[in-house]
């Protein structure tokens, strides 16, 4: 039986937006993504997918349409990014954030955000490399915390932009 709750999609959108905003903020400020945030987002999406499978909620117009899409996206991101973590190219929080964000959106839905966030992080890295040539120009970039790129922050902002684009396209 399909529950006709008009706020269901709004609840999902808000949960995904808060997940991205908090992850982006904490990664930008402290270069960490809290495990509690990642677990809470994963549990929320799992409950959402369970209610969707039971027929209690309508399928959203975007995002993962079921457990198969969500798990495929999560496992694909883990398989693709885990080796980068092992090589110390990226942090574990970035990998966990990317995997759970893909769990929300599905792989095809999340690829535009992954691409945009990666380009933005690459630009950040280019600025850091350029600043090393001119130390007096930007002293803050030379502090230890600024040597790491806040990849989850860029992915989170790109995810929010993609979500906004999807909502605008359906309005």
Protein backbone atom coordinates (compact mmCIF):
# COMPACT_ATOMS: atom_id res chain seq x y z
CA UNK A 1 0.00 0.00 0.00
CA UNK A 2 1.46 3.32 -1.09
CA UNK A 3 1.51 5.97 1.63
CA UNK A 4 0.59 9.34 0.18
CA UNK A 5 2.81 11.56 2.30
CA UNK A 6 3.52 14.79 0.40
CA UNK A 7 6.56 15.54 2.54
CA UNK A 8 8.33 12.25 1.83
CA UNK A 9 10.46 13.52 -1.03
CA UNK A 10 11.17 16.75 0.83
CA UNK A 11 12.40 14.68 3.79
CA UNK A 12 14.79 12.77 1.51
CA UNK A 13 16.04 15.97 -0.13
CA UNK A 14 16.64 17.62 3.24
CA UNK A 15 18.46 14.57 4.61
CA UNK A 16 20.73 14.43 1.56
CA UNK A 17 21.34 18.18 1.66
CA UNK A 18 22.18 18.17 5.38
CA UNK A 19 24.51 15.19 4.89
CA UNK A 20 26.38 17.06 2.15
CA UNK A 21 26.46 20.40 3.98
CA UNK A 22 27.75 18.97 7.25
CA UNK A 23 30.33 16.78 5.49
CA UNK A 24 31.52 19.71 3.37
CA UNK A 25 31.75 22.02 6.38
CA UNK A 26 33.65 19.59 8.60
CA UNK A 27 35.97 18.52 5.79
CA UNK A 28 36.73 22.13 4.88
CA UNK A 29 37.31 23.21 8.50
CA UNK A 30 39.03 20.14 9.98
CA UNK A 31 39.85 17.92 6.99
CA UNK A 32 37.71 15.17 8.52
CA UNK A 33 34.33 13.65 7.77
CA UNK A 34 32.70 12.37 11.00
CA UNK A 35 31.98 8.64 11.01
CA UNK A 36 28.72 9.28 12.89
CA UNK A 37 27.52 11.46 10.01
CA UNK A 38 28.36 8.82 7.40
CA UNK A 39 26.67 6.05 9.43
CA UNK A 40 23.57 8.18 10.07
CA UNK A 41 23.24 8.99 6.36
CA UNK A 42 23.71 5.33 5.44
CA UNK A 43 21.04 4.24 7.95
CA UNK A 44 18.61 6.92 6.76
CA UNK A 45 19.00 5.87 3.13
CA UNK A 46 18.70 2.19 4.05
CA UNK A 47 15.43 2.89 5.89
CA UNK A 48 14.22 4.96 2.95
CA UNK A 49 15.03 2.15 0.51
CA UNK A 50 13.30 -0.36 2.80
CA UNK A 51 10.14 1.76 2.87
CA UNK A 52 10.38 2.13 -0.89
CA UNK A 53 10.70 -1.64 -1.35
CA UNK A 54 7.71 -2.22 0.95
CA UNK A 55 5.63 0.14 -1.18
CA UNK A 56 5.17 2.67 1.59
CA UNK A 57 6.78 5.52 -0.33
CA UNK A 58 6.72 6.62 -3.96
CA UNK A 59 9.99 6.30 -5.87
CA UNK A 60 11.82 9.61 -6.16
CA UNK A 61 12.31 11.05 -9.62
CA UNK A 62 16.07 10.90 -9.09
CA UNK A 63 18.47 9.08 -6.83
CA UNK A 64 18.75 5.36 -6.20
CA UNK A 65 15.50 3.64 -7.12
CA UNK A 66 16.12 0.58 -4.98
CA UNK A 67 18.62 -1.50 -3.04
CA UNK A 68 20.24 -2.91 -6.20
CA UNK A 69 21.11 0.51 -7.60
CA UNK A 70 22.21 1.85 -4.23
CA UNK A 71 24.45 -1.10 -3.34
CA UNK A 72 25.94 -1.21 -6.82
CA UNK A 73 26.85 2.48 -6.54
CA UNK A 74 28.30 2.09 -3.05
CA UNK A 75 30.39 -0.95 -3.98
CA UNK A 76 31.56 0.61 -7.25
CA UNK A 77 32.76 3.73 -5.45
CA UNK A 78 34.48 1.70 -2.75
CA UNK A 79 36.19 -0.47 -5.37
CA UNK A 80 37.32 2.58 -7.31
CA UNK A 81 38.45 4.74 -4.40
CA UNK A 82 39.76 2.17 -1.89
CA UNK A 83 43.03 1.71 -3.82
CA UNK A 84 43.55 5.48 -3.74
CA UNK A 85 43.14 5.42 0.04
CA UNK A 86 45.63 2.55 0.31
CA UNK A 87 48.11 4.59 -1.74
CA UNK A 88 47.44 7.56 0.60
CA UNK A 89 46.23 9.68 -2.29
CA UNK A 90 42.97 10.39 -0.48
CA UNK A 91 41.63 10.09 3.03
CA UNK A 92 39.34 7.40 4.41
CA UNK A 93 36.66 10.00 5.17
CA UNK A 94 36.62 11.03 1.52
CA UNK A 95 36.15 7.42 0.43
CA UNK A 96 33.35 6.78 2.95
CA UNK A 97 31.62 10.03 2.08
CA UNK A 98 31.76 9.32 -1.66
CA UNK A 99 30.45 5.78 -1.21
CA UNK A 100 27.49 6.80 0.97
CA UNK A 101 26.68 9.75 -1.27
CA UNK A 102 26.60 7.35 -4.23
CA UNK A 103 24.39 5.07 -2.11
CA UNK A 104 21.88 7.95 -1.99
CA UNK A 105 22.07 8.94 -5.65
CA UNK A 106 22.86 5.75 -7.53
CA UNK A 107 25.97 5.48 -9.66
CA UNK A 108 24.71 7.25 -12.78
CA UNK A 109 23.06 9.96 -10.72
CA UNK A 110 26.23 10.63 -8.76
CA UNK A 111 28.79 10.60 -11.57
CA UNK A 112 28.22 14.29 -12.52
CA UNK A 113 28.89 15.32 -8.91
CA UNK A 114 31.97 13.09 -8.77
CA UNK A 115 33.33 14.68 -11.93
CA UNK A 116 32.59 18.26 -10.85
CA UNK A 117 33.96 17.71 -7.33
CA UNK A 118 37.12 16.12 -8.70
CA UNK A 119 37.70 19.06 -11.06
CA UNK A 120 37.21 21.53 -8.19
CA UNK A 121 39.61 19.59 -5.95
CA UNK A 122 42.11 19.48 -8.80
CA UNK A 123 41.91 23.27 -9.11
CA UNK A 124 42.52 23.53 -5.36
CA UNK A 125 45.60 21.33 -5.75
CA UNK A 126 46.84 23.46 -8.65
CA UNK A 127 46.52 26.61 -6.53
CA UNK A 128 48.45 24.90 -3.73
CA UNK A 129 51.24 23.88 -6.11
CA UNK A 130 51.38 27.38 -7.59
CA UNK A 131 51.50 28.94 -4.12
CA UNK A 132 54.55 26.85 -3.25
CA UNK A 133 56.49 28.85 -5.85
CA UNK A 134 55.51 32.12 -4.17
CA UNK A 135 55.54 31.48 -0.40
CA UNK A 136 54.87 35.06 0.62
CA UNK A 137 51.75 35.25 -1.54
CA UNK A 138 49.71 32.82 0.53
CA UNK A 139 51.20 31.80 3.87
CA UNK A 140 48.11 29.93 5.07
CA UNK A 141 48.47 27.36 2.29
CA UNK A 142 51.75 26.30 3.86
CA UNK A 143 50.29 25.25 7.21
CA UNK A 144 50.12 21.45 7.71
CA UNK A 145 46.31 21.26 7.60
CA UNK A 146 46.17 23.03 4.26
CA UNK A 147 48.43 20.51 2.55
CA UNK A 148 45.49 18.11 2.32
CA UNK A 149 42.77 18.78 -0.20
CA UNK A 150 39.22 18.75 1.27
CA UNK A 151 37.93 16.36 -1.39
CA UNK A 152 34.71 15.50 0.47
CA UNK A 153 33.94 19.23 0.74
CA UNK A 154 34.19 19.63 -3.01
CA UNK A 155 32.19 16.46 -3.62
CA UNK A 156 29.51 17.65 -1.19
CA UNK A 157 29.19 21.05 -2.84
CA UNK A 158 29.06 19.44 -6.29
CA UNK A 159 26.39 17.03 -5.03
CA UNK A 160 24.29 19.92 -3.75
CA UNK A 161 24.68 21.75 -7.06
CA UNK A 162 23.62 18.62 -8.93
CA UNK A 163 20.63 18.16 -6.60
CA UNK A 164 19.60 21.79 -7.17
CA UNK A 165 19.93 21.30 -10.91
CA UNK A 166 17.73 18.20 -10.78
CA UNK A 167 15.09 20.00 -8.73
CA UNK A 168 15.12 23.01 -11.05
CA UNK A 169 14.77 20.76 -14.10
CA UNK A 170 11.66 19.14 -12.60
CA UNK A 171 10.03 22.37 -11.47
